[in-house]
Every structure is written in structure tokens, then in C-alpha cells.
Protein backbone atom coordinates (compact mmCIF):
# COMPACT_ATOMS: atom_id res chain seq x y z
CA MET A 1 12.65 -12.46 -158.33
CA GLN A 2 14.19 -10.15 -160.89
CA LEU A 3 12.05 -8.90 -163.76
CA LYS A 4 13.79 -8.12 -167.02
CA SER A 5 11.52 -5.55 -168.67
CA PHE A 6 8.25 -3.64 -168.45
CA ASP A 7 6.62 -6.51 -170.35
CA ASP A 8 7.09 -8.71 -167.26
CA ILE A 9 4.93 -6.41 -165.13
CA THR A 10 1.46 -7.93 -164.89
CA THR A 11 -1.69 -7.24 -162.91
CA ARG A 12 -0.33 -9.40 -160.06
CA TYR A 13 1.65 -6.34 -158.99
CA GLN A 14 -0.86 -4.31 -157.04
CA HIS A 15 1.88 -2.19 -155.44
CA ILE A 16 4.85 -0.76 -157.36
CA PHE A 17 7.59 1.21 -155.61
CA LEU A 18 9.77 3.62 -157.58
CA SER A 19 13.29 3.78 -156.15
CA PRO A 20 15.73 6.32 -157.59
CA HIS A 21 18.70 4.29 -156.31
CA PHE A 22 19.19 0.79 -154.99
CA ASP A 23 18.61 1.61 -151.33
CA ASP A 24 15.95 4.32 -151.35
CA VAL A 25 12.78 2.23 -151.13
CA VAL A 26 14.12 -0.10 -148.45
CA TYR A 27 15.33 2.88 -146.39
CA SER A 28 11.98 4.65 -146.70
CA CYS A 29 9.32 1.97 -147.20
CA GLY A 30 10.80 -1.29 -145.93
CA GLY A 31 8.14 -1.65 -143.25
CA THR A 32 5.31 -1.16 -145.74
CA ILE A 33 6.81 -3.83 -147.98
CA GLY A 34 6.97 -6.16 -144.98
CA VAL A 35 3.30 -5.53 -144.19
CA GLN A 36 2.27 -6.20 -147.78
CA VAL A 37 4.26 -9.43 -148.00
CA SER A 38 2.75 -10.60 -144.70
CA CYS A 39 -0.68 -10.17 -146.31
CA GLY A 40 0.25 -12.41 -149.23
CA LEU A 41 1.05 -9.63 -151.69
CA ARG A 42 4.12 -9.48 -153.94
CA PRO A 43 5.29 -5.86 -154.18
CA LEU A 44 7.53 -4.78 -157.04
CA VAL A 45 10.42 -2.33 -156.63
CA MET A 46 11.55 -0.55 -159.77
CA THR A 47 15.01 1.01 -159.40
CA ILE A 48 15.36 3.78 -161.94
CA PHE A 49 19.05 4.72 -161.93
CA ALA A 50 20.49 1.20 -161.97
CA GLY A 51 22.35 1.31 -165.28
CA ILE A 52 25.88 -0.09 -165.46
CA PRO A 53 28.20 2.77 -166.57
CA SER A 54 30.15 2.30 -169.77
CA LEU A 55 33.74 1.18 -169.44
CA ASN A 56 35.03 4.47 -170.86
CA VAL A 57 33.06 6.76 -168.54
CA GLU A 58 35.29 9.55 -167.20
CA LEU A 59 34.68 10.00 -163.50
CA SER A 60 34.78 13.47 -162.01
CA LEU A 61 36.79 13.96 -158.84
CA TYR A 62 33.50 14.11 -156.98
CA ALA A 63 32.41 10.73 -158.39
CA GLN A 64 35.77 9.22 -157.53
CA GLN A 65 35.46 10.46 -153.96
CA GLY A 66 31.93 9.07 -153.79
CA GLN A 67 33.06 5.63 -154.89
CA ARG A 68 35.90 5.61 -152.38
CA SER A 69 33.50 6.55 -149.58
CA MET A 70 31.47 3.46 -150.51
CA GLY A 71 34.56 1.25 -150.37
CA PHE A 72 35.02 0.92 -154.13
CA GLY A 73 37.89 1.71 -156.45
CA GLN A 74 37.66 3.77 -159.64
CA ASP A 75 35.92 1.09 -161.72
CA ALA A 76 32.39 2.47 -161.96
CA ALA A 77 30.94 -0.66 -163.56
CA SER A 78 32.24 -2.86 -160.75
CA ALA A 79 30.89 -0.46 -158.15
CA VAL A 80 27.37 -0.53 -159.61
CA ALA A 81 27.52 -4.31 -160.02
CA ALA A 82 28.35 -4.59 -156.31
CA ARG A 83 25.40 -2.38 -155.44
CA CYS A 84 23.17 -4.56 -157.61
CA GLN A 85 24.17 -7.54 -155.51
CA GLU A 86 23.30 -5.64 -152.33
CA ASP A 87 19.87 -5.02 -153.86
CA VAL A 88 19.39 -8.70 -154.65
CA THR A 89 20.25 -9.65 -151.07
CA ALA A 90 17.84 -7.08 -149.59
CA PHE A 91 14.86 -7.96 -151.78
CA ASP A 92 15.37 -11.68 -151.46
CA TYR A 93 15.24 -11.11 -147.71
CA LEU A 94 12.05 -9.04 -147.99
CA HIS A 95 10.47 -11.39 -150.58
CA ALA A 96 9.88 -8.54 -153.02
CA ASP A 97 10.37 -8.59 -156.77
CA TYR A 98 12.54 -6.02 -158.49
CA LEU A 99 13.27 -4.46 -161.88
CA TRP A 100 16.37 -2.43 -162.71
CA LEU A 101 16.13 0.27 -165.37
CA ASP A 102 19.15 1.28 -167.43
CA TYR A 103 19.44 4.98 -166.58
CA ALA A 104 22.85 5.84 -165.11
CA ASP A 105 23.23 7.33 -161.65
CA ALA A 106 23.65 11.12 -161.69
CA ILE A 107 27.37 11.00 -160.85
CA TYR A 108 27.99 9.01 -164.05
CA ARG A 109 25.99 11.21 -166.42
CA GLY A 110 27.38 13.83 -168.81
CA ASN A 111 30.67 14.33 -170.62
CA PRO A 112 31.93 16.41 -168.96
CA ALA A 113 30.04 15.34 -165.85
CA TYR A 114 26.82 17.22 -165.11
CA TYR A 115 27.15 17.05 -161.32
CA THR A 116 30.60 17.62 -159.85
CA SER A 117 29.80 18.69 -156.28
CA ARG A 118 27.40 17.83 -153.48
CA THR A 119 25.59 21.14 -153.86
CA GLN A 120 24.89 20.37 -157.52
CA LEU A 121 23.78 16.82 -156.77
CA ILE A 122 21.69 17.46 -153.67
CA GLY A 123 19.60 20.60 -153.68
CA GLY A 124 20.66 21.75 -157.12
CA GLU A 125 18.70 21.93 -160.35
CA VAL A 126 18.33 19.02 -162.75
CA HIS A 127 20.75 19.55 -165.65
CA SER A 128 19.08 20.26 -168.99
CA GLY A 129 20.87 17.24 -170.41
CA ASP A 130 18.76 15.06 -168.09
CA TRP A 131 15.34 16.43 -169.01
CA TRP A 132 14.84 13.63 -171.53
CA ILE A 133 14.96 11.09 -168.68
CA ASP A 134 12.01 12.75 -166.98
CA ARG A 135 10.03 12.72 -170.25
CA GLN A 136 10.85 9.12 -171.15
CA LEU A 137 10.26 7.79 -167.66
CA ALA A 138 6.94 9.62 -167.38
CA GLN A 139 5.86 8.20 -170.74
CA ASP A 140 6.73 4.66 -169.69
CA LEU A 141 5.03 4.96 -166.31
CA VAL A 142 1.84 6.36 -167.82
CA ALA A 143 1.78 3.49 -170.32
CA LEU A 144 2.11 1.05 -167.42
CA HIS A 145 -0.70 2.79 -165.54
CA GLU A 146 -2.95 2.36 -168.57
CA ARG A 147 -2.24 -1.38 -168.45
CA LEU A 148 -2.49 -1.57 -164.65
CA PRO A 149 -5.12 1.02 -163.69
CA ASP A 150 -5.69 -0.44 -160.20
CA THR A 151 -2.04 -0.50 -159.14
CA VAL A 152 -0.91 1.70 -156.25
CA TRP A 153 2.35 3.55 -156.91
CA TYR A 154 4.91 4.73 -154.39
CA ALA A 155 7.34 7.47 -155.39
CA PRO A 156 9.79 9.78 -153.61
CA LEU A 157 8.45 13.05 -152.28
CA GLY A 158 11.82 14.57 -153.11
CA VAL A 159 12.86 15.61 -149.60
CA GLY A 160 16.45 16.83 -149.82
CA ARG A 161 16.08 17.47 -153.55
CA HIS A 162 18.66 15.00 -154.81
CA VAL A 163 18.47 15.46 -158.59
CA ASP A 164 17.64 11.80 -159.21
CA HIS A 165 14.84 11.95 -156.65
CA GLN A 166 13.58 15.13 -158.31
CA ILE A 167 13.41 13.36 -161.67
CA VAL A 168 11.49 10.37 -160.33
CA SER A 169 9.14 12.57 -158.32
CA SER A 170 8.44 14.69 -161.39
CA ALA A 171 7.73 11.64 -163.54
CA ALA A 172 5.38 10.32 -160.85
CA GLY A 173 3.52 13.61 -161.08
CA HIS A 174 2.36 12.55 -164.53
CA LEU A 175 0.80 9.46 -162.95
CA ILE A 176 -1.08 11.68 -160.52
CA GLN A 177 -2.31 13.82 -163.40
CA ARG A 178 -3.66 10.68 -165.09
CA GLY A 179 -5.60 9.70 -161.99
CA ALA A 180 -3.30 6.96 -160.73
CA SER A 181 -3.15 6.17 -157.03
CA VAL A 182 0.24 7.57 -155.98
CA LYS A 183 1.72 7.73 -152.50
CA LEU A 184 4.78 9.93 -152.06
CA TYR A 185 7.18 8.58 -149.48
CA GLU A 186 9.46 10.58 -147.20
CA ASP A 187 12.99 10.17 -148.55
CA PHE A 188 15.09 8.62 -145.78
CA PRO A 189 17.61 9.67 -144.52
CA TYR A 190 17.18 13.14 -146.13
CA VAL A 191 14.02 13.60 -144.09
CA LEU A 192 16.09 13.49 -140.89
CA LYS A 193 17.43 16.98 -141.59
CA GLN A 194 15.60 19.56 -139.51
CA GLY A 195 12.98 21.36 -141.59
CA ALA A 196 13.68 19.41 -144.79
CA LEU A 197 10.22 17.83 -144.97
CA GLU A 198 8.45 21.12 -144.34
CA GLU A 199 10.58 22.86 -146.95
CA ARG A 200 9.72 20.25 -149.57
CA LEU A 201 6.01 20.41 -148.81
CA ARG A 202 6.11 24.21 -149.18
CA LYS A 203 7.92 23.89 -152.51
CA LEU A 204 5.29 21.57 -153.89
CA ALA A 205 2.58 24.01 -152.80
CA GLY A 206 -0.09 21.42 -153.53
CA ALA A 207 -2.92 19.86 -151.59
CA LEU A 208 -1.22 16.84 -150.05
CA GLU A 209 -2.66 14.81 -147.22
CA PRO A 210 -0.77 12.35 -145.02
CA ALA A 211 -1.49 8.63 -145.05
CA TYR A 212 0.04 6.17 -142.62
CA VAL A 213 1.15 2.56 -142.52
CA GLU A 214 1.49 1.07 -139.05
CA MET A 215 4.57 -1.14 -139.33
CA SER A 216 5.80 -1.64 -135.77
CA GLY A 217 6.03 -5.40 -136.24
CA MET A 218 8.02 -4.94 -139.44
CA LEU A 219 10.53 -2.36 -138.23
CA HIS A 220 13.18 -5.03 -137.78
CA LEU A 221 12.70 -6.14 -141.40
CA ARG A 222 13.30 -2.61 -142.65
CA GLN A 223 16.38 -2.28 -140.45
CA GLU A 224 17.83 -5.65 -141.42
CA ALA A 225 17.22 -5.13 -145.14
CA ALA A 226 18.69 -1.62 -144.97
CA GLY A 227 21.79 -3.05 -143.33
CA MET A 228 22.37 -5.20 -146.40
CA TYR A 229 23.40 -2.09 -148.37
CA THR A 230 26.77 -2.27 -146.71
CA SER A 231 28.40 0.22 -149.08
CA GLN A 232 26.08 2.94 -147.81
CA THR A 233 25.95 2.35 -144.07
CA HIS A 234 29.11 4.11 -142.93
CA ARG A 235 28.93 7.03 -145.35
CA LEU A 236 25.30 7.83 -144.53
CA PHE A 237 24.97 6.88 -140.87
CA GLY A 238 28.41 6.19 -139.43
CA SER A 239 27.50 2.68 -138.29
CA LYS A 240 24.78 0.06 -138.55
CA VAL A 241 23.78 0.72 -134.93
CA ALA A 242 23.31 4.42 -135.70
CA MET A 243 21.23 3.57 -138.76
CA TYR A 244 18.98 1.24 -136.76
CA ARG A 245 18.48 3.91 -134.11
CA ALA A 246 17.71 6.60 -136.69
CA MET A 247 15.03 4.42 -138.29
CA GLU A 248 13.56 3.46 -134.94
CA HIS A 249 13.47 7.06 -133.70
CA TYR A 250 12.06 8.61 -136.87
CA THR A 251 9.30 6.06 -137.42
CA HIS A 252 8.24 6.51 -133.78
CA SER A 253 8.43 10.34 -133.94
CA ILE A 254 5.74 10.48 -136.62
CA ARG A 255 3.19 9.60 -133.95
CA PRO A 256 4.93 9.16 -130.61
CA VAL A 257 2.28 7.00 -128.95
CA GLN A 258 3.47 4.01 -126.92
CA THR A 259 5.28 1.64 -129.31
CA ASP A 260 3.82 2.82 -132.62
CA HIS A 261 6.16 2.92 -135.60
CA LEU A 262 4.78 4.40 -138.80
CA GLU A 263 5.76 5.09 -142.36
CA ARG A 264 4.07 8.22 -143.66
CA TYR A 265 3.09 8.93 -147.24
CA TRP A 266 1.70 12.04 -148.89
CA VAL A 267 -1.27 11.77 -151.23
CA ALA A 268 -2.67 14.38 -153.60
CA ASN A 269 -6.07 15.64 -152.54
CA VAL A 270 -8.04 15.61 -155.79
CA ARG A 271 -11.46 16.26 -154.29
């Protein structure tokens, strides 16, 4: 079910996942969502950068290339609308509710564009023109926490340092400061890069402890739901088979014991 605004978020939502883009939470936390649904819960996924670009947005060459790699033309609004439909299909399959916020994806922000290369978008610094998003999002999340003090939040750790993931991770930090229960998930597939997780943990330089969700029985749900983001499969993994294998291997590598498959989260140690 799609929610329309923050006003629709009630105390029934004991678990809220913050997804920078349409696919991030399914790629990283799809097994956890499956476990929660199997227990009778109704998780909510809030996609932050889900805004439909304006019709007169001027795409950089980098944005144009990105859309082509996803199988889209140069109509940014149509591309995002197609990705919205992928999201609907995935969350209907998982039986999770979802809310789309109106912030535009990084490649559509700025005039001229703020991010015109991969190195700026992934691993670069957040443009000063985007700082207001961090502030506004943090304010809205803290207000929600005050209404829903018992809710558990899931936010990106920021592995890979995509600028949109950095913004959401930073905003989630304000929840941690207010005493909210926040679990930082390992951004998939960025976490597959050798040393990327360790580098991010060093950057944060905080007291984080791992927490685990055993989701072996739900691995297929995560894989199937991830496969519904068809615009992303080839550009990120090469094929659906390769994506399935990457998810299977990584979730087993966290604790390579027999048939265990885990999703790992990082929690601030506030003792």
C-alpha cells in the first residue's frame, strides 16, 4: 500500500526503512523485510529521492548516459515514473508499505547540474546546494520519532559514499542523537567492493556494534524482489543470475556457517 504523506504514518509502523533510491532497501534489507512480514508486521519503506523531475530539467551528459544504461530515453520524468512502477511491483510482492518523498535524485539536481561524473556522485562530497535537504529531512524524521518513539529505523551506513546515501545517513544521525533505535544497513552492492565497508566504518570513527538478522529462509524473497528493478540489473550486476549469486554469496560470507544467510546492521553503542 502506498502512503501519501507523513500524516499517514501511524504507530502501526514499528519498523521504518529509509531508502535513498527505489532499490536500495530491497537490495540491502529484503530478507529482514521478509522476516518481519512473516511475523505479522507491516514494515514501511520511505524512499527519499523519489521526486519526478520537472519537464524542463536540463540533463547533464552524465545523467543522459545514466538513463541510457537503464534502458530509458532522455525524458527524465518518464524514467523516474518507470522506476516508481518497479518499486510498486517489488513492495507488493514483499507485502510492505511504501512512501515516496519528493526530493529529486542527485543526477537531476542543480542548474547547472551538481554532479556530472561518477567520481562526484559516488565518493565525492555533497554539494553545498544540497545541504538544505539534509536539514529538512532530519527535521522531518525527528518529528516522526517524537510521534513514534518506539519505532525502529533502518538507514544506510553510507558504504561507497554515494552522495544521496550520505545525505540520508547524515539525517539518520539526528535520530540517533535523539535516542531513536537506528540500525544502519550495509549498502548493497557498494559493500561488495573490497575494503569498502572497513573504510566507511573507519570514517565514521564511532562506537558501532554489529547486529544480525538470520534470513536464510527469506533469501529468495530478497532476490526475487531485487530482480523486479529490471532497469538496474544489467548496469549493476550484468545479469539477474549474477545478482542472485552476489546476494547469496555476500549474505553467507557474513558468517559462513553451514547454510546461514544474514543481513548485518550497525548500531550505535550508547552505553
